[in-house]
Amino acid sequence: GRNLEEIPHPFVVETVRRLRPLPADLRRRVKFIHFNHTNPLLHASSLV
């Protein structure tokens, strides 16, 4: 129900898809931050 154009951010799943082709040593440098309260990365260890 939210208009995502009002609050644009790259989705984690999009960033993961974009960076997946990179060598492993580059991917390991990435740490996501600035989580919205709805972001399951805050509490869903299985998703991680």
All heavy atoms as atom14 arrays in JSON, in Angstrom:
{
  "sequence": "GRNLEEIPHPFVVETVRRLRPLPADLRRRVKFIHFNHTNPLLHASSLV",
  "atom14_mask": [
    [1, 1, 1, 1, 0, 0, 0, 0, 0, 0, 0, 0, 0, 0],
    [1, 1, 1, 1, 1, 1, 1, 1, 1, 1, 1, 0, 0, 0],
    [1, 1, 1, 1, 1, 1, 1, 1, 0, 0, 0, 0, 0, 0],
    [1, 1, 1, 1, 1, 1, 1, 1, 0, 0, 0, 0, 0, 0],
    [1, 1, 1, 1, 1, 1, 1, 1, 1, 0, 0, 0, 0, 0],
    [1, 1, 1, 1, 1, 1, 1, 1, 1, 0, 0, 0, 0, 0],
    [1, 1, 1, 1, 1, 1, 1, 1, 0, 0, 0, 0, 0, 0],
    [1, 1, 1, 1, 1, 1, 1, 0, 0, 0, 0, 0, 0, 0],
    [1, 1, 1, 1, 1, 1, 1, 1, 1, 1, 0, 0, 0, 0],
    [1, 1, 1, 1, 1, 1, 1, 0, 0, 0, 0, 0, 0, 0],
    [1, 1, 1, 1, 1, 1, 1, 1, 1, 1, 1, 0, 0, 0],
    [1, 1, 1, 1, 1, 1, 1, 0, 0, 0, 0, 0, 0, 0],
    [1, 1, 1, 1, 1, 1, 1, 0, 0, 0, 0, 0, 0, 0],
    [1, 1, 1, 1, 1, 1, 1, 1, 1, 0, 0, 0, 0, 0],
    [1, 1, 1, 1, 1, 1, 1, 0, 0, 0, 0, 0, 0, 0],
    [1, 1, 1, 1, 1, 1, 1, 0, 0, 0, 0, 0, 0, 0],
    [1, 1, 1, 1, 1, 1, 1, 1, 1, 1, 1, 0, 0, 0],
    [1, 1, 1, 1, 1, 1, 1, 1, 1, 1, 1, 0, 0, 0],
    [1, 1, 1, 1, 1, 1, 1, 1, 0, 0, 0, 0, 0, 0],
    [1, 1, 1, 1, 1, 1, 1, 1, 1, 1, 1, 0, 0, 0],
    [1, 1, 1, 1, 1, 1, 1, 0, 0, 0, 0, 0, 0, 0],
    [1, 1, 1, 1, 1, 1, 1, 1, 0, 0, 0, 0, 0, 0],
    [1, 1, 1, 1, 1, 1, 1, 0, 0, 0, 0, 0, 0, 0],
    [1, 1, 1, 1, 1, 0, 0, 0, 0, 0, 0, 0, 0, 0],
    [1, 1, 1, 1, 1, 1, 1, 1, 0, 0, 0, 0, 0, 0],
    [1, 1, 1, 1, 1, 1, 1, 1, 0, 0, 0, 0, 0, 0],
    [1, 1, 1, 1, 1, 1, 1, 1, 1, 1, 1, 0, 0, 0],
    [1, 1, 1, 1, 1, 1, 1, 1, 1, 1, 1, 0, 0, 0],
    [1, 1, 1, 1, 1, 1, 1, 1, 1, 1, 1, 0, 0, 0],
    [1, 1, 1, 1, 1, 1, 1, 0, 0, 0, 0, 0, 0, 0],
    [1, 1, 1, 1, 1, 1, 1, 1, 1, 0, 0, 0, 0, 0],
    [1, 1, 1, 1, 1, 1, 1, 1, 1, 1, 1, 0, 0, 0],
    [1, 1, 1, 1, 1, 1, 1, 1, 0, 0, 0, 0, 0, 0],
    [1, 1, 1, 1, 1, 1, 1, 1, 1, 1, 0, 0, 0, 0],
    [1, 1, 1, 1, 1, 1, 1, 1, 1, 1, 1, 0, 0, 0],
    [1, 1, 1, 1, 1, 1, 1, 1, 0, 0, 0, 0, 0, 0],
    [1, 1, 1, 1, 1, 1, 1, 1, 1, 1, 0, 0, 0, 0],
    [1, 1, 1, 1, 1, 1, 1, 0, 0, 0, 0, 0, 0, 0],
    [1, 1, 1, 1, 1, 1, 1, 1, 0, 0, 0, 0, 0, 0],
    [1, 1, 1, 1, 1, 1, 1, 0, 0, 0, 0, 0, 0, 0],
    [1, 1, 1, 1, 1, 1, 1, 1, 0, 0, 0, 0, 0, 0],
    [1, 1, 1, 1, 1, 1, 1, 1, 0, 0, 0, 0, 0, 0],
    [1, 1, 1, 1, 1, 1, 1, 1, 1, 1, 0, 0, 0, 0],
    [1, 1, 1, 1, 1, 0, 0, 0, 0, 0, 0, 0, 0, 0],
    [1, 1, 1, 1, 1, 1, 0, 0, 0, 0, 0, 0, 0, 0],
    [1, 1, 1, 1, 1, 1, 0, 0, 0, 0, 0, 0, 0, 0],
    [1, 1, 1, 1, 1, 1, 1, 1, 0, 0, 0, 0, 0, 0],
    [1, 1, 1, 1, 1, 1, 1, 0, 0, 0, 0, 0, 0, 0]
  ],
  "atom14_positions": [
    [[0.78, -1.23, 0.0], [0.0, 0.0, 0.0], [0.81, 1.27, 0.0], [0.24, 2.36, -0.12], [0.0, 0.0, 0.0], [0.0, 0.0, 0.0], [0.0, 0.0, 0.0], [0.0, 0.0, 0.0], [0.0, 0.0, 0.0], [0.0, 0.0, 0.0], [0.0, 0.0, 0.0], [0.0, 0.0, 0.0], [0.0, 0.0, 0.0], [0.0, 0.0, 0.0]],
    [[2.15, 1.19, 0.13], [2.96, 2.4, 0.13], [3.42, 2.72, -1.28], [3.71, 1.82, -2.09], [4.2, 2.22, 1.01], [3.93, 2.17, 2.5], [3.37, 3.48, 3.03], [4.23, 4.62, 2.81], [5.18, 5.02, 3.67], [5.4, 4.35, 4.77], [5.91, 6.09, 3.41], [0.0, 0.0, 0.0], [0.0, 0.0, 0.0], [0.0, 0.0, 0.0]],
    [[3.5, 4.01, -1.59], [4.07, 4.47, -2.86], [5.59, 4.51, -2.71], [6.14, 5.41, -2.07], [3.53, 5.86, -3.2], [4.09, 6.38, -4.51], [4.91, 5.74, -5.16], [3.65, 7.57, -4.9], [0.0, 0.0, 0.0], [0.0, 0.0, 0.0], [0.0, 0.0, 0.0], [0.0, 0.0, 0.0], [0.0, 0.0, 0.0], [0.0, 0.0, 0.0]],
    [[6.26, 3.55, -3.32], [7.7, 3.42, -3.12], [8.47, 4.56, -3.77], [9.64, 4.78, -3.44], [8.18, 2.08, -3.67], [7.53, 0.85, -3.02], [8.14, -0.43, -3.56], [7.65, 0.9, -1.51], [0.0, 0.0, 0.0], [0.0, 0.0, 0.0], [0.0, 0.0, 0.0], [0.0, 0.0, 0.0], [0.0, 0.0, 0.0], [0.0, 0.0, 0.0]],
    [[7.85, 5.3, -4.68], [8.52, 6.45, -5.27], [8.72, 7.56, -4.24], [9.6, 8.41, -4.4], [7.72, 6.99, -6.46], [7.76, 6.08, -7.68], [9.18, 5.89, -8.2], [9.91, 6.9, -8.28], [9.56, 4.75, -8.5], [0.0, 0.0, 0.0], [0.0, 0.0, 0.0], [0.0, 0.0, 0.0], [0.0, 0.0, 0.0], [0.0, 0.0, 0.0]],
    [[7.93, 7.56, -3.18], [8.08, 8.56, -2.13], [9.24, 8.25, -1.2], [9.75, 9.15, -0.52], [6.78, 8.67, -1.32], [5.59, 9.16, -2.12], [4.32, 9.18, -1.28], [4.36, 8.7, -0.13], [3.29, 9.69, -1.77], [0.0, 0.0, 0.0], [0.0, 0.0, 0.0], [0.0, 0.0, 0.0], [0.0, 0.0, 0.0], [0.0, 0.0, 0.0]],
    [[9.63, 7.0, -1.12], [10.69, 6.57, -0.21], [11.66, 5.64, -0.93], [11.83, 4.48, -0.53], [10.1, 5.9, 1.04], [8.99, 4.9, 0.65], [9.57, 6.91, 2.03], [8.49, 4.06, 1.81], [0.0, 0.0, 0.0], [0.0, 0.0, 0.0], [0.0, 0.0, 0.0], [0.0, 0.0, 0.0], [0.0, 0.0, 0.0], [0.0, 0.0, 0.0]],
    [[12.31, 6.11, -1.98], [13.16, 5.21, -2.78], [14.41, 4.78, -2.03], [15.12, 5.61, -1.43], [13.5, 6.06, -4.0], [13.39, 7.47, -3.53], [12.3, 7.48, -2.51], [0.0, 0.0, 0.0], [0.0, 0.0, 0.0], [0.0, 0.0, 0.0], [0.0, 0.0, 0.0], [0.0, 0.0, 0.0], [0.0, 0.0, 0.0], [0.0, 0.0, 0.0]],
    [[14.66, 3.5, -2.06], [15.89, 2.88, -1.56], [16.09, 1.61, -2.38], [15.12, 0.97, -2.8], [15.77, 2.5, -0.07], [15.74, 3.64, 0.87], [16.89, 4.22, 1.39], [14.7, 4.33, 1.41], [16.54, 5.21, 2.21], [15.22, 5.29, 2.23], [0.0, 0.0, 0.0], [0.0, 0.0, 0.0], [0.0, 0.0, 0.0], [0.0, 0.0, 0.0]],
    [[17.33, 1.17, -2.56], [17.54, -0.12, -3.22], [17.17, -1.25, -2.27], [17.62, -1.27, -1.12], [19.04, -0.11, -3.53], [19.64, 0.81, -2.51], [18.59, 1.84, -2.21], [0.0, 0.0, 0.0], [0.0, 0.0, 0.0], [0.0, 0.0, 0.0], [0.0, 0.0, 0.0], [0.0, 0.0, 0.0], [0.0, 0.0, 0.0], [0.0, 0.0, 0.0]],
    [[16.35, -2.18, -2.7], [16.01, -3.32, -1.86], [17.23, -4.22, -1.69], [18.03, -4.39, -2.61], [14.85, -4.11, -2.47], [13.58, -3.33, -2.57], [13.05, -2.99, -3.81], [12.9, -2.93, -1.43], [11.88, -2.26, -3.9], [11.73, -2.2, -1.51], [11.21, -1.86, -2.75], [0.0, 0.0, 0.0], [0.0, 0.0, 0.0], [0.0, 0.0, 0.0]],
    [[17.34, -4.81, -0.51], [18.46, -5.71, -0.25], [18.5, -6.83, -1.3], [19.57, -7.18, -1.81], [18.37, -6.3, 1.17], [19.37, -7.44, 1.36], [18.6, -5.21, 2.21], [0.0, 0.0, 0.0], [0.0, 0.0, 0.0], [0.0, 0.0, 0.0], [0.0, 0.0, 0.0], [0.0, 0.0, 0.0], [0.0, 0.0, 0.0], [0.0, 0.0, 0.0]],
    [[17.34, -7.37, -1.63], [17.33, -8.47, -2.61], [17.85, -8.0, -3.96], [18.49, -8.77, -4.69], [15.91, -9.07, -2.75], [15.51, -9.82, -1.47], [14.87, -8.0, -3.1], [0.0, 0.0, 0.0], [0.0, 0.0, 0.0], [0.0, 0.0, 0.0], [0.0, 0.0, 0.0], [0.0, 0.0, 0.0], [0.0, 0.0, 0.0], [0.0, 0.0, 0.0]],
    [[17.59, -6.74, -4.32], [18.11, -6.2, -5.58], [19.63, -6.03, -5.51], [20.34, -6.34, -6.47], [17.46, -4.86, -5.88], [15.98, -4.93, -6.18], [15.36, -3.56, -6.38], [15.96, -2.55, -5.95], [14.26, -3.5, -6.95], [0.0, 0.0, 0.0], [0.0, 0.0, 0.0], [0.0, 0.0, 0.0], [0.0, 0.0, 0.0], [0.0, 0.0, 0.0]],
    [[20.12, -5.51, -4.38], [21.55, -5.32, -4.23], [22.28, -6.66, -4.25], [23.34, -6.8, -4.88], [21.86, -4.57, -2.93], [21.15, -3.32, -2.93], [23.34, -4.28, -2.8], [0.0, 0.0, 0.0], [0.0, 0.0, 0.0], [0.0, 0.0, 0.0], [0.0, 0.0, 0.0], [0.0, 0.0, 0.0], [0.0, 0.0, 0.0], [0.0, 0.0, 0.0]],
    [[21.72, -7.66, -3.58], [22.31, -9.0, -3.58], [22.38, -9.54, -5.0], [23.4, -10.09, -5.44], [21.53, -9.94, -2.66], [21.94, -11.39, -2.88], [21.72, -9.54, -1.2], [0.0, 0.0, 0.0], [0.0, 0.0, 0.0], [0.0, 0.0, 0.0], [0.0, 0.0, 0.0], [0.0, 0.0, 0.0], [0.0, 0.0, 0.0], [0.0, 0.0, 0.0]],
    [[21.3, -9.37, -5.75], [21.27, -9.86, -7.14], [22.32, -9.13, -7.99], [23.0, -9.74, -8.81], [19.87, -9.64, -7.71], [19.65, -10.28, -9.08], [18.24, -10.03, -9.59], [17.24, -10.38, -8.6], [16.37, -9.53, -8.06], [16.38, -8.25, -8.42], [15.49, -9.93, -7.17], [0.0, 0.0, 0.0], [0.0, 0.0, 0.0], [0.0, 0.0, 0.0]],
    [[22.45, -7.85, -7.76], [23.4, -7.05, -8.54], [24.85, -7.46, -8.25], [25.69, -7.53, -9.16], [23.21, -5.57, -8.21], [24.23, -4.65, -8.87], [24.01, -3.2, -8.48], [25.03, -2.36, -9.08], [24.79, -1.27, -9.81], [23.55, -0.89, -10.05], [25.79, -0.56, -10.31], [0.0, 0.0, 0.0], [0.0, 0.0, 0.0], [0.0, 0.0, 0.0]],
    [[25.14, -7.73, -6.97], [26.52, -7.98, -6.57], [26.91, -9.46, -6.6], [28.1, -9.79, -6.46], [26.77, -7.42, -5.16], [26.56, -5.91, -5.0], [26.85, -5.5, -3.57], [27.42, -5.12, -5.99], [0.0, 0.0, 0.0], [0.0, 0.0, 0.0], [0.0, 0.0, 0.0], [0.0, 0.0, 0.0], [0.0, 0.0, 0.0], [0.0, 0.0, 0.0]],
    [[25.95, -10.34, -6.79], [26.25, -11.77, -6.76], [27.35, -12.18, -7.76], [28.16, -13.06, -7.47], [24.98, -12.58, -7.02], [25.13, -14.08, -6.71], [23.86, -14.83, -7.04], [22.74, -14.41, -6.22], [22.48, -14.89, -5.01], [23.27, -15.81, -4.48], [21.44, -14.47, -4.32], [0.0, 0.0, 0.0], [0.0, 0.0, 0.0], [0.0, 0.0, 0.0]],
    [[27.42, -11.57, -8.96], [28.47, -11.98, -9.9], [29.88, -11.58, -9.49], [30.86, -12.04, -10.1], [28.07, -11.27, -11.21], [26.63, -10.95, -11.06], [26.45, -10.66, -9.61], [0.0, 0.0, 0.0], [0.0, 0.0, 0.0], [0.0, 0.0, 0.0], [0.0, 0.0, 0.0], [0.0, 0.0, 0.0], [0.0, 0.0, 0.0], [0.0, 0.0, 0.0]],
    [[30.03, -10.72, -8.48], [31.36, -10.26, -8.08], [32.16, -11.39, -7.44], [31.6, -12.34, -6.89], [31.24, -9.11, -7.08], [30.66, -7.79, -7.57], [30.62, -6.78, -6.44], [31.46, -7.24, -8.74], [0.0, 0.0, 0.0], [0.0, 0.0, 0.0], [0.0, 0.0, 0.0], [0.0, 0.0, 0.0], [0.0, 0.0, 0.0], [0.0, 0.0, 0.0]],
    [[33.48, -11.28, -7.45], [34.3, -12.26, -6.73], [33.94, -12.28, -5.25], [33.51, -11.27, -4.68], [35.73, -11.73, -6.95], [35.66, -10.89, -8.17], [34.29, -10.28, -8.18], [0.0, 0.0, 0.0], [0.0, 0.0, 0.0], [0.0, 0.0, 0.0], [0.0, 0.0, 0.0], [0.0, 0.0, 0.0], [0.0, 0.0, 0.0], [0.0, 0.0, 0.0]],
    [[34.14, -13.41, -4.62], [33.73, -13.6, -3.23], [34.38, -12.59, -2.3], [33.75, -12.12, -1.34], [34.06, -15.02, -2.78], [0.0, 0.0, 0.0], [0.0, 0.0, 0.0], [0.0, 0.0, 0.0], [0.0, 0.0, 0.0], [0.0, 0.0, 0.0], [0.0, 0.0, 0.0], [0.0, 0.0, 0.0], [0.0, 0.0, 0.0], [0.0, 0.0, 0.0]],
    [[35.64, -12.23, -2.54], [36.31, -11.31, -1.63], [35.68, -9.92, -1.67], [35.67, -9.2, -0.66], [37.81, -11.23, -1.94], [38.09, -10.54, -3.25], [37.49, -10.92, -4.27], [38.92, -9.6, -3.26], [0.0, 0.0, 0.0], [0.0, 0.0, 0.0], [0.0, 0.0, 0.0], [0.0, 0.0, 0.0], [0.0, 0.0, 0.0], [0.0, 0.0, 0.0]],
    [[35.09, -9.51, -2.8], [34.39, -8.24, -2.87], [33.03, -8.32, -2.19], [32.62, -7.4, -1.47], [34.22, -7.8, -4.32], [35.48, -7.38, -5.08], [35.11, -6.86, -6.46], [36.26, -6.32, -4.31], [0.0, 0.0, 0.0], [0.0, 0.0, 0.0], [0.0, 0.0, 0.0], [0.0, 0.0, 0.0], [0.0, 0.0, 0.0], [0.0, 0.0, 0.0]],
    [[32.32, -9.42, -2.39], [31.01, -9.57, -1.75], [31.13, -9.56, -0.23], [30.26, -9.03, 0.47], [30.33, -10.85, -2.22], [30.0, -10.89, -3.71], [28.98, -11.99, -4.01], [29.37, -13.28, -3.47], [30.04, -14.22, -4.13], [30.41, -13.98, -5.39], [30.35, -15.37, -3.57], [0.0, 0.0, 0.0], [0.0, 0.0, 0.0], [0.0, 0.0, 0.0]],
    [[32.2, -10.15, 0.28], [32.37, -10.22, 1.73], [32.61, -8.87, 2.37], [32.52, -8.73, 3.59], [33.52, -11.17, 2.08], [33.18, -12.64, 1.93], [34.23, -13.52, 2.61], [35.53, -13.43, 1.96], [35.92, -14.25, 0.99], [35.13, -15.23, 0.57], [37.12, -14.12, 0.45], [0.0, 0.0, 0.0], [0.0, 0.0, 0.0], [0.0, 0.0, 0.0]],
    [[32.88, -7.86, 1.59], [33.09, -6.52, 2.13], [31.77, -5.81, 2.46], [31.77, -4.8, 3.16], [33.87, -5.68, 1.12], [35.22, -6.28, 0.79], [35.97, -5.52, -0.29], [37.14, -6.26, -0.73], [38.08, -5.8, -1.53], [37.97, -4.57, -2.04], [39.11, -6.55, -1.87], [0.0, 0.0, 0.0], [0.0, 0.0, 0.0], [0.0, 0.0, 0.0]],
    [[30.66, -6.34, 1.97], [29.36, -5.66, 2.07], [28.67, -5.98, 3.39], [28.49, -7.16, 3.74], [28.46, -6.05, 0.89], [27.05, -5.49, 1.07], [29.07, -5.57, -0.42], [0.0, 0.0, 0.0], [0.0, 0.0, 0.0], [0.0, 0.0, 0.0], [0.0, 0.0, 0.0], [0.0, 0.0, 0.0], [0.0, 0.0, 0.0], [0.0, 0.0, 0.0]],
    [[28.25, -4.91, 4.08], [27.43, -5.05, 5.28], [26.26, -4.08, 5.14], [26.46, -2.88, 4.96], [28.23, -4.74, 6.54], [29.39, -5.7, 6.78], [29.96, -5.51, 8.17], [31.06, -6.54, 8.43], [31.4, -6.61, 9.87], [0.0, 0.0, 0.0], [0.0, 0.0, 0.0], [0.0, 0.0, 0.0], [0.0, 0.0, 0.0], [0.0, 0.0, 0.0]],
    [[25.05, -4.6, 5.24], [23.86, -3.76, 5.11], [23.56, -3.06, 6.44], [23.77, -3.62, 7.51], [22.66, -4.6, 4.67], [22.79, -5.14, 3.27], [23.15, -6.47, 3.06], [22.57, -4.32, 2.18], [23.29, -6.97, 1.77], [22.7, -4.81, 0.88], [23.06, -6.13, 0.69], [0.0, 0.0, 0.0], [0.0, 0.0, 0.0], [0.0, 0.0, 0.0]],
    [[23.03, -1.83, 6.32], [22.74, -1.02, 7.5], [21.54, -0.13, 7.2], [21.07, -0.06, 6.07], [23.98, -0.18, 7.9], [23.91, 0.26, 9.37], [24.2, 0.99, 6.94], [25.23, 0.78, 9.91], [0.0, 0.0, 0.0], [0.0, 0.0, 0.0], [0.0, 0.0, 0.0], [0.0, 0.0, 0.0], [0.0, 0.0, 0.0], [0.0, 0.0, 0.0]],
    [[21.01, 0.55, 8.25], [19.89, 1.51, 8.1], [18.59, 0.76, 7.85], [17.81, 1.09, 6.96], [20.2, 2.49, 6.96], [19.34, 3.71, 6.94], [18.24, 3.84, 6.11], [19.41, 4.86, 7.64], [17.69, 5.02, 6.28], [18.38, 5.67, 7.21], [0.0, 0.0, 0.0], [0.0, 0.0, 0.0], [0.0, 0.0, 0.0], [0.0, 0.0, 0.0]],
    [[18.29, -0.25, 8.68], [17.13, -1.1, 8.48], [15.83, -0.43, 8.93], [15.74, 0.06, 10.06], [17.29, -2.41, 9.27], [18.55, -3.14, 8.96], [19.49, -3.4, 9.95], [18.82, -3.58, 7.66], [20.66, -4.08, 9.66], [19.99, -4.26, 7.37], [20.92, -4.51, 8.37], [0.0, 0.0, 0.0], [0.0, 0.0, 0.0], [0.0, 0.0, 0.0]],
    [[14.83, -0.47, 8.07], [13.49, -0.07, 8.47], [12.95, -1.09, 9.48], [13.36, -2.26, 9.49], [12.57, 0.0, 7.25], [11.29, 0.74, 7.53], [11.32, 1.89, 7.95], [10.15, 0.1, 7.32], [0.0, 0.0, 0.0], [0.0, 0.0, 0.0], [0.0, 0.0, 0.0], [0.0, 0.0, 0.0], [0.0, 0.0, 0.0], [0.0, 0.0, 0.0]],
    [[12.01, -0.67, 10.3], [11.47, -1.58, 11.32], [10.78, -2.79, 10.71], [10.62, -3.82, 11.39], [10.51, -0.83, 12.25], [9.25, -0.37, 11.59], [8.01, -0.88, 11.91], [9.02, 0.57, 10.64], [7.09, -0.29, 11.19], [7.68, 0.6, 10.4], [0.0, 0.0, 0.0], [0.0, 0.0, 0.0], [0.0, 0.0, 0.0], [0.0, 0.0, 0.0]],
    [[10.39, -2.69, 9.45], [9.75, -3.82, 8.77], [10.76, -4.81, 8.2], [10.36, -5.89, 7.73], [8.88, -3.3, 7.61], [9.73, -2.51, 6.72], [7.74, -2.45, 8.11], [0.0, 0.0, 0.0], [0.0, 0.0, 0.0], [0.0, 0.0, 0.0], [0.0, 0.0, 0.0], [0.0, 0.0, 0.0], [0.0, 0.0, 0.0], [0.0, 0.0, 0.0]],
    [[12.04, -4.45, 8.2], [13.05, -5.27, 7.54], [13.31, -6.55, 8.34], [13.76, -6.47, 9.49], [14.34, -4.47, 7.38], [15.32, -5.13, 6.44], [15.47, -6.33, 6.41], [16.01, -4.3, 5.66], [0.0, 0.0, 0.0], [0.0, 0.0, 0.0], [0.0, 0.0, 0.0], [0.0, 0.0, 0.0], [0.0, 0.0, 0.0], [0.0, 0.0, 0.0]],
    [[13.06, -7.71, 7.77], [13.25, -8.95, 8.53], [14.7, -9.23, 8.9], [14.94, -10.08, 9.76], [12.7, -10.03, 7.59], [12.79, -9.44, 6.22], [12.56, -7.97, 6.4], [0.0, 0.0, 0.0], [0.0, 0.0, 0.0], [0.0, 0.0, 0.0], [0.0, 0.0, 0.0], [0.0, 0.0, 0.0], [0.0, 0.0, 0.0], [0.0, 0.0, 0.0]],
    [[15.65, -8.52, 8.32], [17.05, -8.73, 8.71], [17.3, -8.31, 10.16], [18.31, -8.69, 10.76], [17.99, -7.97, 7.78], [18.09, -8.48, 6.34], [19.09, -7.65, 5.55], [18.47, -9.96, 6.3], [0.0, 0.0, 0.0], [0.0, 0.0, 0.0], [0.0, 0.0, 0.0], [0.0, 0.0, 0.0], [0.0, 0.0, 0.0], [0.0, 0.0, 0.0]],
    [[16.37, -7.55, 10.74], [16.51, -7.16, 12.14], [16.33, -8.34, 13.09], [16.84, -8.32, 14.21], [15.48, -6.07, 12.49], [15.85, -4.64, 12.1], [14.64, -3.74, 12.23], [16.99, -4.13, 12.98], [0.0, 0.0, 0.0], [0.0, 0.0, 0.0], [0.0, 0.0, 0.0], [0.0, 0.0, 0.0], [0.0, 0.0, 0.0], [0.0, 0.0, 0.0]],
    [[15.58, -9.35, 12.66], [15.25, -10.41, 13.62], [15.17, -11.81, 13.02], [15.08, -12.78, 13.77], [13.91, -10.11, 14.3], [12.83, -9.71, 13.35], [12.19, -10.6, 12.53], [12.29, -8.49, 13.07], [11.29, -9.96, 11.8], [11.34, -8.68, 12.1], [0.0, 0.0, 0.0], [0.0, 0.0, 0.0], [0.0, 0.0, 0.0], [0.0, 0.0, 0.0]],
    [[15.23, -11.93, 11.69], [15.05, -13.25, 11.07], [16.4, -13.85, 10.73], [16.9, -13.69, 9.61], [14.16, -13.15, 9.83], [0.0, 0.0, 0.0], [0.0, 0.0, 0.0], [0.0, 0.0, 0.0], [0.0, 0.0, 0.0], [0.0, 0.0, 0.0], [0.0, 0.0, 0.0], [0.0, 0.0, 0.0], [0.0, 0.0, 0.0], [0.0, 0.0, 0.0]],
    [[17.01, -14.55, 11.68], [18.33, -15.13, 11.44], [18.29, -16.19, 10.35], [19.27, -16.39, 9.62], [18.88, -15.74, 12.72], [18.0, -16.74, 13.22], [0.0, 0.0, 0.0], [0.0, 0.0, 0.0], [0.0, 0.0, 0.0], [0.0, 0.0, 0.0], [0.0, 0.0, 0.0], [0.0, 0.0, 0.0], [0.0, 0.0, 0.0], [0.0, 0.0, 0.0]],
    [[17.15, -16.85, 10.2], [17.05, -17.87, 9.16], [17.15, -17.24, 7.78], [17.72, -17.82, 6.84], [15.73, -18.64, 9.29], [14.63, -17.75, 9.15], [0.0, 0.0, 0.0], [0.0, 0.0, 0.0], [0.0, 0.0, 0.0], [0.0, 0.0, 0.0], [0.0, 0.0, 0.0], [0.0, 0.0, 0.0], [0.0, 0.0, 0.0], [0.0, 0.0, 0.0]],
    [[16.61, -16.04, 7.64], [16.67, -15.33, 6.36], [18.11, -14.93, 6.05], [18.56, -15.02, 4.91], [15.78, -14.1, 6.41], [15.53, -13.37, 5.09], [14.7, -14.25, 4.16], [14.82, -12.05, 5.35], [0.0, 0.0, 0.0], [0.0, 0.0, 0.0], [0.0, 0.0, 0.0], [0.0, 0.0, 0.0], [0.0, 0.0, 0.0], [0.0, 0.0, 0.0]],
    [[18.82, -14.5, 7.07], [20.23, -14.15, 6.88], [21.0, -15.36, 6.37], [21.79, -15.28, 5.42], [20.85, -13.63, 8.19], [22.35, -13.42, 8.02], [20.17, -12.33, 8.62], [0.0, 0.0, 0.0], [0.0, 0.0, 0.0], [0.0, 0.0, 0.0], [0.0, 0.0, 0.0], [0.0, 0.0, 0.0], [0.0, 0.0, 0.0], [0.0, 0.0, 0.0]]
  ]
}
